[in-house]
Amino acid sequence: EKLAVALPATAELLKFYVEIARFQK
């Protein structure tokens, strides 16, 4: 979540990963 804000170029990828990681948790 923090890097999605700091790195706009990879923000969409990281936001998707956040959703997946929440599911994995």
mmCIF file of all heavy atoms, coordinates in Angstrom:
data_MODEL
# 
_entry.id   MODEL 
# 
loop_
_atom_site.group_PDB 
_atom_site.id 
_atom_site.type_symbol 
_atom_site.label_atom_id 
_atom_site.label_alt_id 
_atom_site.label_comp_id 
_atom_site.label_asym_id 
_atom_site.label_entity_id 
_atom_site.label_seq_id 
_atom_site.pdbx_PDB_ins_code 
_atom_site.Cartn_x 
_atom_site.Cartn_y 
_atom_site.Cartn_z 
_atom_site.occupancy 
_atom_site.B_iso_or_equiv 
_atom_site.pdbx_formal_charge 
_atom_site.auth_seq_id 
_atom_site.auth_comp_id 
_atom_site.auth_asym_id 
_atom_site.auth_atom_id 
_atom_site.pdbx_PDB_model_num 
ATOM 1   N N   . GLU A 1 1  ? 0.835  -1.206  0.000   1.00 0.00 ? 1  GLU A N   1 
ATOM 2   C CA  . GLU A 1 1  ? 0.000  0.000   0.000   1.00 0.00 ? 1  GLU A CA  1 
ATOM 3   C C   . GLU A 1 1  ? 0.868  1.254   0.000   1.00 0.00 ? 1  GLU A C   1 
ATOM 4   O O   . GLU A 1 1  ? 0.577  2.228   -0.719  1.00 0.00 ? 1  GLU A O   1 
ATOM 5   C CB  . GLU A 1 1  ? -0.918 -0.009  1.216   1.00 0.00 ? 1  GLU A CB  1 
ATOM 6   C CG  . GLU A 1 1  ? -2.031 -1.037  1.129   1.00 0.00 ? 1  GLU A CG  1 
ATOM 7   C CD  . GLU A 1 1  ? -2.875 -1.107  2.385   1.00 0.00 ? 1  GLU A CD  1 
ATOM 8   O OE1 . GLU A 1 1  ? -2.331 -0.840  3.492   1.00 0.00 ? 1  GLU A OE1 1 
ATOM 9   O OE2 . GLU A 1 1  ? -4.071 -1.421  2.286   1.00 0.00 ? 1  GLU A OE2 1 
ATOM 10  N N   . LYS A 1 2  ? 1.930  1.243   0.777   1.00 0.00 ? 2  LYS A N   1 
ATOM 11  C CA  . LYS A 1 2  ? 2.823  2.411   0.847   1.00 0.00 ? 2  LYS A CA  1 
ATOM 12  C C   . LYS A 1 2  ? 3.551  2.623   -0.470  1.00 0.00 ? 2  LYS A C   1 
ATOM 13  O O   . LYS A 1 2  ? 3.647  3.756   -0.976  1.00 0.00 ? 2  LYS A O   1 
ATOM 14  C CB  . LYS A 1 2  ? 3.825  2.224   1.980   1.00 0.00 ? 2  LYS A CB  1 
ATOM 15  C CG  . LYS A 1 2  ? 4.762  3.401   2.172   1.00 0.00 ? 2  LYS A CG  1 
ATOM 16  C CD  . LYS A 1 2  ? 5.659  3.212   3.388   1.00 0.00 ? 2  LYS A CD  1 
ATOM 17  C CE  . LYS A 1 2  ? 6.571  4.421   3.592   1.00 0.00 ? 2  LYS A CE  1 
ATOM 18  N NZ  . LYS A 1 2  ? 7.436  4.257   4.801   1.00 0.00 ? 2  LYS A NZ  1 
ATOM 19  N N   . LEU A 1 3  ? 4.058  1.546   -1.053  1.00 0.00 ? 3  LEU A N   1 
ATOM 20  C CA  . LEU A 1 3  ? 4.796  1.676   -2.308  1.00 0.00 ? 3  LEU A CA  1 
ATOM 21  C C   . LEU A 1 3  ? 3.884  2.050   -3.472  1.00 0.00 ? 3  LEU A C   1 
ATOM 22  O O   . LEU A 1 3  ? 4.326  2.688   -4.428  1.00 0.00 ? 3  LEU A O   1 
ATOM 23  C CB  . LEU A 1 3  ? 5.536  0.376   -2.613  1.00 0.00 ? 3  LEU A CB  1 
ATOM 24  C CG  . LEU A 1 3  ? 6.728  0.047   -1.695  1.00 0.00 ? 3  LEU A CG  1 
ATOM 25  C CD1 . LEU A 1 3  ? 7.343  -1.291  -2.080  1.00 0.00 ? 3  LEU A CD1 1 
ATOM 26  C CD2 . LEU A 1 3  ? 7.782  1.150   -1.744  1.00 0.00 ? 3  LEU A CD2 1 
ATOM 27  N N   . ALA A 1 4  ? 2.611  1.675   -3.401  1.00 0.00 ? 4  ALA A N   1 
ATOM 28  C CA  . ALA A 1 4  ? 1.672  2.045   -4.455  1.00 0.00 ? 4  ALA A CA  1 
ATOM 29  C C   . ALA A 1 4  ? 1.503  3.555   -4.537  1.00 0.00 ? 4  ALA A C   1 
ATOM 30  O O   . ALA A 1 4  ? 1.241  4.107   -5.620  1.00 0.00 ? 4  ALA A O   1 
ATOM 31  C CB  . ALA A 1 4  ? 0.321  1.381   -4.217  1.00 0.00 ? 4  ALA A CB  1 
ATOM 32  N N   . VAL A 1 5  ? 1.673  4.211   -3.407  1.00 0.00 ? 5  VAL A N   1 
ATOM 33  C CA  . VAL A 1 5  ? 1.602  5.676   -3.379  1.00 0.00 ? 5  VAL A CA  1 
ATOM 34  C C   . VAL A 1 5  ? 2.922  6.286   -3.827  1.00 0.00 ? 5  VAL A C   1 
ATOM 35  O O   . VAL A 1 5  ? 2.959  7.263   -4.575  1.00 0.00 ? 5  VAL A O   1 
ATOM 36  C CB  . VAL A 1 5  ? 1.251  6.170   -1.960  1.00 0.00 ? 5  VAL A CB  1 
ATOM 37  C CG1 . VAL A 1 5  ? 1.296  7.691   -1.894  1.00 0.00 ? 5  VAL A CG1 1 
ATOM 38  C CG2 . VAL A 1 5  ? -0.120 5.657   -1.547  1.00 0.00 ? 5  VAL A CG2 1 
ATOM 39  N N   . ALA A 1 6  ? 4.018  5.680   -3.403  1.00 0.00 ? 6  ALA A N   1 
ATOM 40  C CA  . ALA A 1 6  ? 5.347  6.239   -3.680  1.00 0.00 ? 6  ALA A CA  1 
ATOM 41  C C   . ALA A 1 6  ? 5.824  5.980   -5.101  1.00 0.00 ? 6  ALA A C   1 
ATOM 42  O O   . ALA A 1 6  ? 6.649  6.733   -5.621  1.00 0.00 ? 6  ALA A O   1 
ATOM 43  C CB  . ALA A 1 6  ? 6.357  5.662   -2.687  1.00 0.00 ? 6  ALA A CB  1 
ATOM 44  N N   . LEU A 1 7  ? 5.312  4.931   -5.750  1.00 0.00 ? 7  LEU A N   1 
ATOM 45  C CA  . LEU A 1 7  ? 5.799  4.537   -7.078  1.00 0.00 ? 7  LEU A CA  1 
ATOM 46  C C   . LEU A 1 7  ? 4.641  4.508   -8.076  1.00 0.00 ? 7  LEU A C   1 
ATOM 47  O O   . LEU A 1 7  ? 4.058  3.456   -8.324  1.00 0.00 ? 7  LEU A O   1 
ATOM 48  C CB  . LEU A 1 7  ? 6.459  3.156   -7.005  1.00 0.00 ? 7  LEU A CB  1 
ATOM 49  C CG  . LEU A 1 7  ? 7.648  3.014   -6.048  1.00 0.00 ? 7  LEU A CG  1 
ATOM 50  C CD1 . LEU A 1 7  ? 8.072  1.554   -5.944  1.00 0.00 ? 7  LEU A CD1 1 
ATOM 51  C CD2 . LEU A 1 7  ? 8.818  3.878   -6.518  1.00 0.00 ? 7  LEU A CD2 1 
ATOM 52  N N   . PRO A 1 8  ? 4.296  5.641   -8.644  1.00 0.00 ? 8  PRO A N   1 
ATOM 53  C CA  . PRO A 1 8  ? 3.148  5.694   -9.568  1.00 0.00 ? 8  PRO A CA  1 
ATOM 54  C C   . PRO A 1 8  ? 3.255  4.731   -10.737 1.00 0.00 ? 8  PRO A C   1 
ATOM 55  O O   . PRO A 1 8  ? 2.240  4.214   -11.213 1.00 0.00 ? 8  PRO A O   1 
ATOM 56  C CB  . PRO A 1 8  ? 3.162  7.153   -10.047 1.00 0.00 ? 8  PRO A CB  1 
ATOM 57  C CG  . PRO A 1 8  ? 3.877  7.903   -8.963  1.00 0.00 ? 8  PRO A CG  1 
ATOM 58  C CD  . PRO A 1 8  ? 4.908  6.969   -8.432  1.00 0.00 ? 8  PRO A CD  1 
ATOM 59  N N   . ALA A 1 9  ? 4.471  4.450   -11.202 1.00 0.00 ? 9  ALA A N   1 
ATOM 60  C CA  . ALA A 1 9  ? 4.644  3.594   -12.372 1.00 0.00 ? 9  ALA A CA  1 
ATOM 61  C C   . ALA A 1 9  ? 4.180  2.166   -12.120 1.00 0.00 ? 9  ALA A C   1 
ATOM 62  O O   . ALA A 1 9  ? 3.776  1.461   -13.052 1.00 0.00 ? 9  ALA A O   1 
ATOM 63  C CB  . ALA A 1 9  ? 6.115  3.591   -12.812 1.00 0.00 ? 9  ALA A CB  1 
ATOM 64  N N   . THR A 1 10 ? 4.247  1.733   -10.874 1.00 0.00 ? 10 THR A N   1 
ATOM 65  C CA  . THR A 1 10 ? 3.831  0.360   -10.550 1.00 0.00 ? 10 THR A CA  1 
ATOM 66  C C   . THR A 1 10 ? 2.621  0.349   -9.612  1.00 0.00 ? 10 THR A C   1 
ATOM 67  O O   . THR A 1 10 ? 2.326  -0.671  -9.002  1.00 0.00 ? 10 THR A O   1 
ATOM 68  C CB  . THR A 1 10 ? 4.991  -0.423  -9.907  1.00 0.00 ? 10 THR A CB  1 
ATOM 69  O OG1 . THR A 1 10 ? 5.501  0.306   -8.779  1.00 0.00 ? 10 THR A OG1 1 
ATOM 70  C CG2 . THR A 1 10 ? 6.106  -0.653  -10.906 1.00 0.00 ? 10 THR A CG2 1 
ATOM 71  N N   . ALA A 1 11 ? 1.931  1.476   -9.503  1.00 0.00 ? 11 ALA A N   1 
ATOM 72  C CA  . ALA A 1 11 ? 0.819  1.599   -8.560  1.00 0.00 ? 11 ALA A CA  1 
ATOM 73  C C   . ALA A 1 11 ? -0.286 0.584   -8.839  1.00 0.00 ? 11 ALA A C   1 
ATOM 74  O O   . ALA A 1 11 ? -0.794 -0.063  -7.914  1.00 0.00 ? 11 ALA A O   1 
ATOM 75  C CB  . ALA A 1 11 ? 0.256  3.017   -8.593  1.00 0.00 ? 11 ALA A CB  1 
ATOM 76  N N   . GLU A 1 12 ? -0.676 0.411   -10.095 1.00 0.00 ? 12 GLU A N   1 
ATOM 77  C CA  . GLU A 1 12 ? -1.768 -0.501  -10.412 1.00 0.00 ? 12 GLU A CA  1 
ATOM 78  C C   . GLU A 1 12 ? -1.404 -1.937  -10.079 1.00 0.00 ? 12 GLU A C   1 
ATOM 79  O O   . GLU A 1 12 ? -2.209 -2.695  -9.528  1.00 0.00 ? 12 GLU A O   1 
ATOM 80  C CB  . GLU A 1 12 ? -2.157 -0.373  -11.890 1.00 0.00 ? 12 GLU A CB  1 
ATOM 81  C CG  . GLU A 1 12 ? -2.840 0.934   -12.239 1.00 0.00 ? 12 GLU A CG  1 
ATOM 82  C CD  . GLU A 1 12 ? -4.068 1.194   -11.374 1.00 0.00 ? 12 GLU A CD  1 
ATOM 83  O OE1 . GLU A 1 12 ? -4.907 0.268   -11.246 1.00 0.00 ? 12 GLU A OE1 1 
ATOM 84  O OE2 . GLU A 1 12 ? -4.194 2.296   -10.815 1.00 0.00 ? 12 GLU A OE2 1 
ATOM 85  N N   . LEU A 1 13 ? -0.180 -2.315  -10.397 1.00 0.00 ? 13 LEU A N   1 
ATOM 86  C CA  . LEU A 1 13 ? 0.286  -3.663  -10.080 1.00 0.00 ? 13 LEU A CA  1 
ATOM 87  C C   . LEU A 1 13 ? 0.255  -3.908  -8.576  1.00 0.00 ? 13 LEU A C   1 
ATOM 88  O O   . LEU A 1 13 ? -0.202 -4.947  -8.110  1.00 0.00 ? 13 LEU A O   1 
ATOM 89  C CB  . LEU A 1 13 ? 1.716  -3.840  -10.626 1.00 0.00 ? 13 LEU A CB  1 
ATOM 90  C CG  . LEU A 1 13 ? 2.452  -5.145  -10.381 1.00 0.00 ? 13 LEU A CG  1 
ATOM 91  C CD1 . LEU A 1 13 ? 3.439  -5.395  -11.520 1.00 0.00 ? 13 LEU A CD1 1 
ATOM 92  C CD2 . LEU A 1 13 ? 3.222  -5.117  -9.061  1.00 0.00 ? 13 LEU A CD2 1 
ATOM 93  N N   . LEU A 1 14 ? 0.718  -2.913  -7.806  1.00 0.00 ? 14 LEU A N   1 
ATOM 94  C CA  . LEU A 1 14 ? 0.779  -3.064  -6.354  1.00 0.00 ? 14 LEU A CA  1 
ATOM 95  C C   . LEU A 1 14 ? -0.612 -3.058  -5.728  1.00 0.00 ? 14 LEU A C   1 
ATOM 96  O O   . LEU A 1 14 ? -0.866 -3.783  -4.757  1.00 0.00 ? 14 LEU A O   1 
ATOM 97  C CB  . LEU A 1 14 ? 1.645  -1.958  -5.755  1.00 0.00 ? 14 LEU A CB  1 
ATOM 98  C CG  . LEU A 1 14 ? 3.144  -2.088  -6.064  1.00 0.00 ? 14 LEU A CG  1 
ATOM 99  C CD1 . LEU A 1 14 ? 3.874  -0.795  -5.710  1.00 0.00 ? 14 LEU A CD1 1 
ATOM 100 C CD2 . LEU A 1 14 ? 3.760  -3.265  -5.318  1.00 0.00 ? 14 LEU A CD2 1 
ATOM 101 N N   . LYS A 1 15 ? -1.505 -2.269  -6.268  1.00 0.00 ? 15 LYS A N   1 
ATOM 102 C CA  . LYS A 1 15 ? -2.881 -2.262  -5.748  1.00 0.00 ? 15 LYS A CA  1 
ATOM 103 C C   . LYS A 1 15 ? -3.545 -3.614  -5.972  1.00 0.00 ? 15 LYS A C   1 
ATOM 104 O O   . LYS A 1 15 ? -4.286 -4.105  -5.119  1.00 0.00 ? 15 LYS A O   1 
ATOM 105 C CB  . LYS A 1 15 ? -3.688 -1.147  -6.422  1.00 0.00 ? 15 LYS A CB  1 
ATOM 106 C CG  . LYS A 1 15 ? -3.287 0.259   -5.987  1.00 0.00 ? 15 LYS A CG  1 
ATOM 107 C CD  . LYS A 1 15 ? -4.060 1.322   -6.755  1.00 0.00 ? 15 LYS A CD  1 
ATOM 108 C CE  . LYS A 1 15 ? -3.629 2.716   -6.364  1.00 0.00 ? 15 LYS A CE  1 
ATOM 109 N NZ  . LYS A 1 15 ? -4.328 3.759   -7.168  1.00 0.00 ? 15 LYS A NZ  1 
ATOM 110 N N   . PHE A 1 16 ? -3.278 -4.216  -7.116  1.00 0.00 ? 16 PHE A N   1 
ATOM 111 C CA  . PHE A 1 16 ? -3.817 -5.550  -7.375  1.00 0.00 ? 16 PHE A CA  1 
ATOM 112 C C   . PHE A 1 16 ? -3.202 -6.558  -6.402  1.00 0.00 ? 16 PHE A C   1 
ATOM 113 O O   . PHE A 1 16 ? -3.896 -7.412  -5.848  1.00 0.00 ? 16 PHE A O   1 
ATOM 114 C CB  . PHE A 1 16 ? -3.533 -5.953  -8.822  1.00 0.00 ? 16 PHE A CB  1 
ATOM 115 C CG  . PHE A 1 16 ? -3.954 -7.358  -9.156  1.00 0.00 ? 16 PHE A CG  1 
ATOM 116 C CD1 . PHE A 1 16 ? -5.269 -7.765  -8.999  1.00 0.00 ? 16 PHE A CD1 1 
ATOM 117 C CD2 . PHE A 1 16 ? -3.028 -8.270  -9.629  1.00 0.00 ? 16 PHE A CD2 1 
ATOM 118 C CE1 . PHE A 1 16 ? -5.668 -9.063  -9.309  1.00 0.00 ? 16 PHE A CE1 1 
ATOM 119 C CE2 . PHE A 1 16 ? -3.407 -9.573  -9.941  1.00 0.00 ? 16 PHE A CE2 1 
ATOM 120 C CZ  . PHE A 1 16 ? -4.725 -9.972  -9.783  1.00 0.00 ? 16 PHE A CZ  1 
ATOM 121 N N   . TYR A 1 17 ? -1.894 -6.440  -6.189  1.00 0.00 ? 17 TYR A N   1 
ATOM 122 C CA  . TYR A 1 17 ? -1.241 -7.348  -5.240  1.00 0.00 ? 17 TYR A CA  1 
ATOM 123 C C   . TYR A 1 17 ? -1.840 -7.200  -3.845  1.00 0.00 ? 17 TYR A C   1 
ATOM 124 O O   . TYR A 1 17 ? -1.995 -8.200  -3.123  1.00 0.00 ? 17 TYR A O   1 
ATOM 125 C CB  . TYR A 1 17 ? 0.266  -7.103  -5.188  1.00 0.00 ? 17 TYR A CB  1 
ATOM 126 C CG  . TYR A 1 17 ? 0.922  -7.933  -4.109  1.00 0.00 ? 17 TYR A CG  1 
ATOM 127 C CD1 . TYR A 1 17 ? 1.068  -9.308  -4.261  1.00 0.00 ? 17 TYR A CD1 1 
ATOM 128 C CD2 . TYR A 1 17 ? 1.345  -7.353  -2.915  1.00 0.00 ? 17 TYR A CD2 1 
ATOM 129 C CE1 . TYR A 1 17 ? 1.627  -10.086 -3.245  1.00 0.00 ? 17 TYR A CE1 1 
ATOM 130 C CE2 . TYR A 1 17 ? 1.906  -8.118  -1.907  1.00 0.00 ? 17 TYR A CE2 1 
ATOM 131 C CZ  . TYR A 1 17 ? 2.040  -9.480  -2.081  1.00 0.00 ? 17 TYR A CZ  1 
ATOM 132 O OH  . TYR A 1 17 ? 2.583  -10.240 -1.073  1.00 0.00 ? 17 TYR A OH  1 
ATOM 133 N N   . VAL A 1 18 ? -2.173 -5.987  -3.435  1.00 0.00 ? 18 VAL A N   1 
ATOM 134 C CA  . VAL A 1 18 ? -2.787 -5.775  -2.117  1.00 0.00 ? 18 VAL A CA  1 
ATOM 135 C C   . VAL A 1 18 ? -4.068 -6.597  -2.001  1.00 0.00 ? 18 VAL A C   1 
ATOM 136 O O   . VAL A 1 18 ? -4.314 -7.257  -0.976  1.00 0.00 ? 18 VAL A O   1 
ATOM 137 C CB  . VAL A 1 18 ? -3.074 -4.275  -1.883  1.00 0.00 ? 18 VAL A CB  1 
ATOM 138 C CG1 . VAL A 1 18 ? -4.002 -4.084  -0.685  1.00 0.00 ? 18 VAL A CG1 1 
ATOM 139 C CG2 . VAL A 1 18 ? -1.772 -3.523  -1.638  1.00 0.00 ? 18 VAL A CG2 1 
ATOM 140 N N   . GLU A 1 19 ? -4.893 -6.571  -3.036  1.00 0.00 ? 19 GLU A N   1 
ATOM 141 C CA  . GLU A 1 19 ? -6.143 -7.339  -3.008  1.00 0.00 ? 19 GLU A CA  1 
ATOM 142 C C   . GLU A 1 19 ? -5.859 -8.837  -2.915  1.00 0.00 ? 19 GLU A C   1 
ATOM 143 O O   . GLU A 1 19 ? -6.529 -9.567  -2.168  1.00 0.00 ? 19 GLU A O   1 
ATOM 144 C CB  . GLU A 1 19 ? -6.974 -7.041  -4.258  1.00 0.00 ? 19 GLU A CB  1 
ATOM 145 C CG  . GLU A 1 19 ? -7.442 -5.597  -4.380  1.00 0.00 ? 19 GLU A CG  1 
ATOM 146 C CD  . GLU A 1 19 ? -8.408 -5.206  -3.269  1.00 0.00 ? 19 GLU A CD  1 
ATOM 147 O OE1 . GLU A 1 19 ? -9.125 -6.086  -2.759  1.00 0.00 ? 19 GLU A OE1 1 
ATOM 148 O OE2 . GLU A 1 19 ? -8.439 -4.012  -2.913  1.00 0.00 ? 19 GLU A OE2 1 
ATOM 149 N N   . ILE A 1 20 ? -4.871 -9.290  -3.663  1.00 0.00 ? 20 ILE A N   1 
ATOM 150 C CA  . ILE A 1 20 ? -4.508 -10.709 -3.643  1.00 0.00 ? 20 ILE A CA  1 
ATOM 151 C C   . ILE A 1 20 ? -3.930 -11.098 -2.284  1.00 0.00 ? 20 ILE A C   1 
ATOM 152 O O   . ILE A 1 20 ? -4.267 -12.156 -1.728  1.00 0.00 ? 20 ILE A O   1 
ATOM 153 C CB  . ILE A 1 20 ? -3.507 -11.025 -4.768  1.00 0.00 ? 20 ILE A CB  1 
ATOM 154 C CG1 . ILE A 1 20 ? -4.174 -10.848 -6.131  1.00 0.00 ? 20 ILE A CG1 1 
ATOM 155 C CG2 . ILE A 1 20 ? -2.942 -12.438 -4.627  1.00 0.00 ? 20 ILE A CG2 1 
ATOM 156 C CD1 . ILE A 1 20 ? -5.374 -11.743 -6.359  1.00 0.00 ? 20 ILE A CD1 1 
ATOM 157 N N   . ALA A 1 21 ? -3.071 -10.258 -1.732  1.00 0.00 ? 21 ALA A N   1 
ATOM 158 C CA  . ALA A 1 21 ? -2.458 -10.572 -0.435  1.00 0.00 ? 21 ALA A CA  1 
ATOM 159 C C   . ALA A 1 21 ? -3.498 -10.591 0.682   1.00 0.00 ? 21 ALA A C   1 
ATOM 160 O O   . ALA A 1 21 ? -3.405 -11.413 1.607   1.00 0.00 ? 21 ALA A O   1 
ATOM 161 C CB  . ALA A 1 21 ? -1.355 -9.558  -0.121  1.00 0.00 ? 21 ALA A CB  1 
ATOM 162 N N   . ARG A 1 22 ? -4.477 -9.723  0.619   1.00 0.00 ? 22 ARG A N   1 
ATOM 163 C CA  . ARG A 1 22 ? -5.559 -9.761  1.611   1.00 0.00 ? 22 ARG A CA  1 
ATOM 164 C C   . ARG A 1 22 ? -6.319 -11.083 1.517   1.00 0.00 ? 22 ARG A C   1 
ATOM 165 O O   . ARG A 1 22 ? -6.678 -11.676 2.531   1.00 0.00 ? 22 ARG A O   1 
ATOM 166 C CB  . ARG A 1 22 ? -6.508 -8.575  1.391   1.00 0.00 ? 22 ARG A CB  1 
ATOM 167 C CG  . ARG A 1 22 ? -5.935 -7.231  1.845   1.00 0.00 ? 22 ARG A CG  1 
ATOM 168 C CD  . ARG A 1 22 ? -6.868 -6.106  1.471   1.00 0.00 ? 22 ARG A CD  1 
ATOM 169 N NE  . ARG A 1 22 ? -6.388 -4.822  1.970   1.00 0.00 ? 22 ARG A NE  1 
ATOM 170 C CZ  . ARG A 1 22 ? -6.747 -3.649  1.490   1.00 0.00 ? 22 ARG A CZ  1 
ATOM 171 N NH1 . ARG A 1 22 ? -7.631 -3.581  0.490   1.00 0.00 ? 22 ARG A NH1 1 
ATOM 172 N NH2 . ARG A 1 22 ? -6.257 -2.532  2.008   1.00 0.00 ? 22 ARG A NH2 1 
ATOM 173 N N   . PHE A 1 23 ? -6.555 -11.524 0.289   1.00 0.00 ? 23 PHE A N   1 
ATOM 174 C CA  . PHE A 1 23 ? -7.219 -12.810 0.089   1.00 0.00 ? 23 PHE A CA  1 
ATOM 175 C C   . PHE A 1 23 ? -6.345 -13.940 0.641   1.00 0.00 ? 23 PHE A C   1 
ATOM 176 O O   . PHE A 1 23 ? -6.833 -14.842 1.334   1.00 0.00 ? 23 PHE A O   1 
ATOM 177 C CB  . PHE A 1 23 ? -7.473 -13.014 -1.407  1.00 0.00 ? 23 PHE A CB  1 
ATOM 178 C CG  . PHE A 1 23 ? -8.015 -14.367 -1.753  1.00 0.00 ? 23 PHE A CG  1 
ATOM 179 C CD1 . PHE A 1 23 ? -9.375 -14.617 -1.717  1.00 0.00 ? 23 PHE A CD1 1 
ATOM 180 C CD2 . PHE A 1 23 ? -7.155 -15.400 -2.108  1.00 0.00 ? 23 PHE A CD2 1 
ATOM 181 C CE1 . PHE A 1 23 ? -9.879 -15.867 -2.037  1.00 0.00 ? 23 PHE A CE1 1 
ATOM 182 C CE2 . PHE A 1 23 ? -7.649 -16.658 -2.413  1.00 0.00 ? 23 PHE A CE2 1 
ATOM 183 C CZ  . PHE A 1 23 ? -9.007 -16.887 -2.379  1.00 0.00 ? 23 PHE A CZ  1 
ATOM 184 N N   . GLN A 1 24 ? -5.040 -13.893 0.335   1.00 0.00 ? 24 GLN A N   1 
ATOM 185 C CA  . GLN A 1 24 ? -4.133 -14.937 0.812   1.00 0.00 ? 24 GLN A CA  1 
ATOM 186 C C   . GLN A 1 24 ? -4.056 -14.973 2.332   1.00 0.00 ? 24 GLN A C   1 
ATOM 187 O O   . GLN A 1 24 ? -3.951 -16.052 2.926   1.00 0.00 ? 24 GLN A O   1 
ATOM 188 C CB  . GLN A 1 24 ? -2.742 -14.724 0.225   1.00 0.00 ? 24 GLN A CB  1 
ATOM 189 C CG  . GLN A 1 24 ? -2.661 -14.998 -1.271  1.00 0.00 ? 24 GLN A CG  1 
ATOM 190 C CD  . GLN A 1 24 ? -1.271 -14.775 -1.812  1.00 0.00 ? 24 GLN A CD  1 
ATOM 191 O OE1 . GLN A 1 24 ? -0.719 -13.677 -1.708  1.00 0.00 ? 24 GLN A OE1 1 
ATOM 192 N NE2 . GLN A 1 24 ? -0.691 -15.810 -2.402  1.00 0.00 ? 24 GLN A NE2 1 
ATOM 193 N N   . LYS A 1 25 ? -4.123 -13.820 2.963   1.00 0.00 ? 25 LYS A N   1 
ATOM 194 C CA  . LYS A 1 25 ? -4.110 -13.785 4.424   1.00 0.00 ? 25 LYS A CA  1 
ATOM 195 C C   . LYS A 1 25 ? -5.319 -14.531 4.991   1.00 0.00 ? 25 LYS A C   1 
ATOM 196 O O   . LYS A 1 25 ? -5.200 -15.260 5.988   1.00 0.00 ? 25 LYS A O   1 
ATOM 197 C CB  . LYS A 1 25 ? -4.103 -12.345 4.929   1.00 0.00 ? 25 LYS A CB  1 
ATOM 198 C CG  . LYS A 1 25 ? -4.094 -12.250 6.448   1.00 0.00 ? 25 LYS A CG  1 
ATOM 199 C CD  . LYS A 1 25 ? -4.250 -10.827 6.950   1.00 0.00 ? 25 LYS A CD  1 
ATOM 200 C CE  . LYS A 1 25 ? -4.385 -10.817 8.471   1.00 0.00 ? 25 LYS A CE  1 
ATOM 201 N NZ  . LYS A 1 25 ? -4.639 -9.478  9.016   1.00 0.00 ? 25 LYS A NZ  1 
# 
